[in-house]
Each structure stands twice: as structure tokens, then as C-alpha cells.
Amino acid sequence: MHDAVEDKPKRTLLPRFSIRTLFWLITASALVFVVVGMAARGHDWAWGVSLGLLSIVFTAIVHAAWFYVVWLFVRLLSARPKEIG
């Protein structure tokens, strides 16, 4: 007897990453923190780079928030029962 539950893909809490991906993520984070540290010590170019990175992160957060708001409205509007007739 075949069980239908076995055919469903497993949902994981976090996506799977390779060690190579984590290595690049840690390296990029280290470089960002080196630049931010140099900005804290008073280097003008590092202030500019840090503000540029901060603006990119802020823009991504704003875009994600707007996406969530629009997605929520679409879900609410599509969940209404449609009238017949």
C-alpha cells in the first residue's frame, strides 16, 4: 500500500547551504565589519562605503516590507467568498 504522505517534499525551517556558501558569507561579513571599523576610526572613504552599504540594506528592508503589505492585501482580497448570480 502506497502512502501519500511520503510523496510530499519535506519542508525545512532553513534552506540548505553548502560550506562553500557559508565561507563566502563569513568572508563578506568580515570585510564589511573591517570597513565599518575603519569608518569608526575616522577614514572618510570608509564612512562613504558604510553609508552606501547601509542604504542598500535599508532599501532592501523597505522593498521587503512593501512586498509583504501587497501580499497580505492580495491574500485578504482573494480569500473573500465570491457571490454567485
C-alpha atoms as a PDB file:
ATOM      1  CA  MET A   1       0.000   0.000   0.000  1.00  0.00           C
ATOM      2  CA  HIS A   2       1.357   3.397  -1.005  1.00  0.00           C
ATOM      3  CA  ASP A   3       1.197   6.229   1.499  1.00  0.00           C
ATOM      4  CA  ALA A   4       0.515   9.705   0.031  1.00  0.00           C
ATOM      5  CA  VAL A   5       2.283  11.442   2.900  1.00  0.00           C
ATOM      6  CA  GLU A   6       5.638  10.068   1.751  1.00  0.00           C
ATOM      7  CA  ASP A   7       5.322  11.802  -1.631  1.00  0.00           C
ATOM      8  CA  LYS A   8       5.192  15.282  -0.166  1.00  0.00           C
ATOM      9  CA  PRO A   9       8.512  17.108  -0.055  1.00  0.00           C
ATOM     10  CA  LYS A  10       9.839  17.819   3.404  1.00  0.00           C
ATOM     11  CA  ARG A  11       9.591  21.449   4.444  1.00  0.00           C
ATOM     12  CA  THR A  12      12.658  22.672   6.258  1.00  0.00           C
ATOM     13  CA  LEU A  13      12.912  25.668   8.532  1.00  0.00           C
ATOM     14  CA  LEU A  14      16.120  26.930   6.949  1.00  0.00           C
ATOM     15  CA  PRO A  15      17.342  26.369   3.411  1.00  0.00           C
ATOM     16  CA  ARG A  16      20.330  24.125   2.937  1.00  0.00           C
ATOM     17  CA  PHE A  17      23.672  25.842   2.435  1.00  0.00           C
ATOM     18  CA  SER A  18      26.981  24.359   1.476  1.00  0.00           C
ATOM     19  CA  ILE A  19      30.130  25.011   3.451  1.00  0.00           C
ATOM     20  CA  ARG A  20      31.459  26.981   0.473  1.00  0.00           C
ATOM     21  CA  THR A  21      28.432  29.324   0.627  1.00  0.00           C
ATOM     22  CA  LEU A  22      28.920  29.833   4.353  1.00  0.00           C
ATOM     23  CA  PHE A  23      32.619  30.532   3.752  1.00  0.00           C
ATOM     24  CA  TRP A  24      31.789  33.305   1.273  1.00  0.00           C
ATOM     25  CA  LEU A  25      29.141  34.724   3.613  1.00  0.00           C
ATOM     26  CA  ILE A  26      31.569  34.855   6.542  1.00  0.00           C
ATOM     27  CA  THR A  27      34.275  36.422   4.343  1.00  0.00           C
ATOM     28  CA  ALA A  28      31.898  39.113   3.039  1.00  0.00           C
ATOM     29  CA  SER A  29      30.703  39.853   6.571  1.00  0.00           C
ATOM     30  CA  ALA A  30      34.280  40.160   7.788  1.00  0.00           C
ATOM     31  CA  LEU A  31      35.102  42.634   5.010  1.00  0.00           C
ATOM     32  CA  VAL A  32      32.021  44.709   5.835  1.00  0.00           C
ATOM     33  CA  PHE A  33      32.974  44.852   9.500  1.00  0.00           C
ATOM     34  CA  VAL A  34      36.565  45.815   8.644  1.00  0.00           C
ATOM     35  CA  VAL A  35      35.248  48.741   6.579  1.00  0.00           C
ATOM     36  CA  VAL A  36      32.827  49.769   9.342  1.00  0.00           C
ATOM     37  CA  GLY A  37      35.664  49.563  11.865  1.00  0.00           C
ATOM     38  CA  MET A  38      37.838  51.790   9.700  1.00  0.00           C
ATOM     39  CA  ALA A  39      34.933  54.237   9.454  1.00  0.00           C
ATOM     40  CA  ALA A  40      34.719  54.311  13.225  1.00  0.00           C
ATOM     41  CA  ARG A  41      38.429  55.191  13.314  1.00  0.00           C
ATOM     42  CA  GLY A  42      37.770  58.199  11.071  1.00  0.00           C
ATOM     43  CA  HIS A  43      38.578  57.184   7.488  1.00  0.00           C
ATOM     44  CA  ASP A  44      36.399  59.259   5.158  1.00  0.00           C
ATOM     45  CA  TRP A  45      36.226  56.702   2.352  1.00  0.00           C
ATOM     46  CA  ALA A  46      35.088  54.041   4.830  1.00  0.00           C
ATOM     47  CA  TRP A  47      32.267  56.349   6.008  1.00  0.00           C
ATOM     48  CA  GLY A  48      31.073  56.601   2.413  1.00  0.00           C
ATOM     49  CA  VAL A  49      31.224  52.866   1.825  1.00  0.00           C
ATOM     50  CA  SER A  50      29.475  52.179   5.143  1.00  0.00           C
ATOM     51  CA  LEU A  51      26.673  54.621   4.351  1.00  0.00           C
ATOM     52  CA  GLY A  52      26.320  53.108   0.881  1.00  0.00           C
ATOM     53  CA  LEU A  53      26.009  49.614   2.339  1.00  0.00           C
ATOM     54  CA  LEU A  54      23.554  50.866   4.948  1.00  0.00           C
ATOM     55  CA  SER A  55      21.407  52.464   2.252  1.00  0.00           C
ATOM     56  CA  ILE A  56      21.344  49.205   0.274  1.00  0.00           C
ATOM     57  CA  VAL A  57      20.245  47.266   3.364  1.00  0.00           C
ATOM     58  CA  PHE A  58      17.597  49.890   4.205  1.00  0.00           C
ATOM     59  CA  THR A  59      16.268  49.807   0.631  1.00  0.00           C
ATOM     60  CA  ALA A  60      16.037  46.009   0.728  1.00  0.00           C
ATOM     61  CA  ILE A  61      14.114  46.139   4.020  1.00  0.00           C
ATOM     62  CA  VAL A  62      11.676  48.726   2.641  1.00  0.00           C
ATOM     63  CA  HIS A  63      11.109  46.655  -0.503  1.00  0.00           C
ATOM     64  CA  ALA A  64      10.514  43.528   1.581  1.00  0.00           C
ATOM     65  CA  ALA A  65       8.027  45.394   3.778  1.00  0.00           C
ATOM     66  CA  TRP A  66       6.079  46.690   0.753  1.00  0.00           C
ATOM     67  CA  PHE A  67       6.076  43.203  -0.756  1.00  0.00           C
ATOM     68  CA  TYR A  68       4.623  41.835   2.479  1.00  0.00           C
ATOM     69  CA  VAL A  69       1.916  44.534   2.586  1.00  0.00           C
ATOM     70  CA  VAL A  70       0.879  43.888  -1.024  1.00  0.00           C
ATOM     71  CA  TRP A  71       0.985  40.111  -0.498  1.00  0.00           C
ATOM     72  CA  LEU A  72      -1.206  40.499   2.597  1.00  0.00           C
ATOM     73  CA  PHE A  73      -3.798  42.559   0.695  1.00  0.00           C
ATOM     74  CA  VAL A  74      -3.855  40.051  -2.154  1.00  0.00           C
ATOM     75  CA  ARG A  75      -4.372  37.199   0.294  1.00  0.00           C
ATOM     76  CA  LEU A  76      -7.182  39.067   2.068  1.00  0.00           C
ATOM     77  CA  LEU A  77      -8.942  40.017  -1.158  1.00  0.00           C
ATOM     78  CA  SER A  78      -8.654  36.564  -2.706  1.00  0.00           C
ATOM     79  CA  ALA A  79      -9.942  34.882   0.486  1.00  0.00           C
ATOM     80  CA  ARG A  80     -13.364  36.516   0.163  1.00  0.00           C
ATOM     81  CA  PRO A  81     -16.148  34.203  -0.981  1.00  0.00           C
ATOM     82  CA  LYS A  82     -17.371  35.090  -4.455  1.00  0.00           C
ATOM     83  CA  GLU A  83     -21.047  35.864  -4.895  1.00  0.00           C
ATOM     84  CA  ILE A  84     -22.982  33.736  -7.350  1.00  0.00           C
ATOM     85  CA  GLY A  85     -25.513  35.349  -9.574  1.00  0.00           C
END
